[in-house]
Amino acid sequence: MRIGILGGTFNPVHIGHLIIAEEVYCRHGLSKVLFIPSGLPPHKGTYDLAEARHRYEMVNLAIKDNDHFEISDVEISREGKSYTVDTVEVLLKRYGINSDPHLIIGMDTVCELPSWKDVKRLSTLCRIVVVNRPGSDLNNLNQLIPILGEEKVREMKRIQVEIPPIGISSTEIRSRLKNGLHTRYMVPQEVESYIKRHGLYKP
């Protein structure tokens, strides 16, 4: 079994998240991809952050028609801040040491890794799959060598997944909603309906 792990605030979940998960799933022959909405993200503020129950339900709606996508409440059901190393440890206990977890992160997150809790230990618990855009410089990963070691960084370069430019972000979607603009085709239709029904991200 190979399990993909895609965490984030998903504030809100959008088409880009789904494309990333599907691309890594296909490229690495994963058994499934777990979407894990964060509770209290340690590297992001809570301003403009929708309640966890809303973010969870939006992800649930977005992935329900994909048999190899699943959602987990492992972080939003846990008190305190959501640290990835703790989440991976929980998943290893749940799925077993042979689950071969693949942690999916964006290239823009690489610069944050040195500040993550127990990132060296995290790198021993899972594979780290970096999703990058065309033209991204993989040599940026070299900054992690003093922390993770050359072997791990070589692995990250080898298993990285390049995706086409998407140009959609949760920040942009929230901004559009605040300004009364549509988000059709940026988020799944059921997610858009959920946002409207619950009055999320209004001015």
Foldseek 3Di string as FASTA:
>chain_A
DEEEEEEDQCLPPWPVSVVQQVQLCVLVVAQAYEYEHAAAAPVDDCVLRDHSVLNQVQVCVQCVVPPRYHYDDVHNVDPDGDAPQVVLVVVCVVPHLPNQYEYEDEPVCLVVLVVGPPSLVSLVSHQYAYEYEPPDDLCVLVVCCVPNNPVNSVSNVVRYHYDYDDPADSVVVLVCQQVVHDCPNTHPPVSSVSCVVVVRSHD
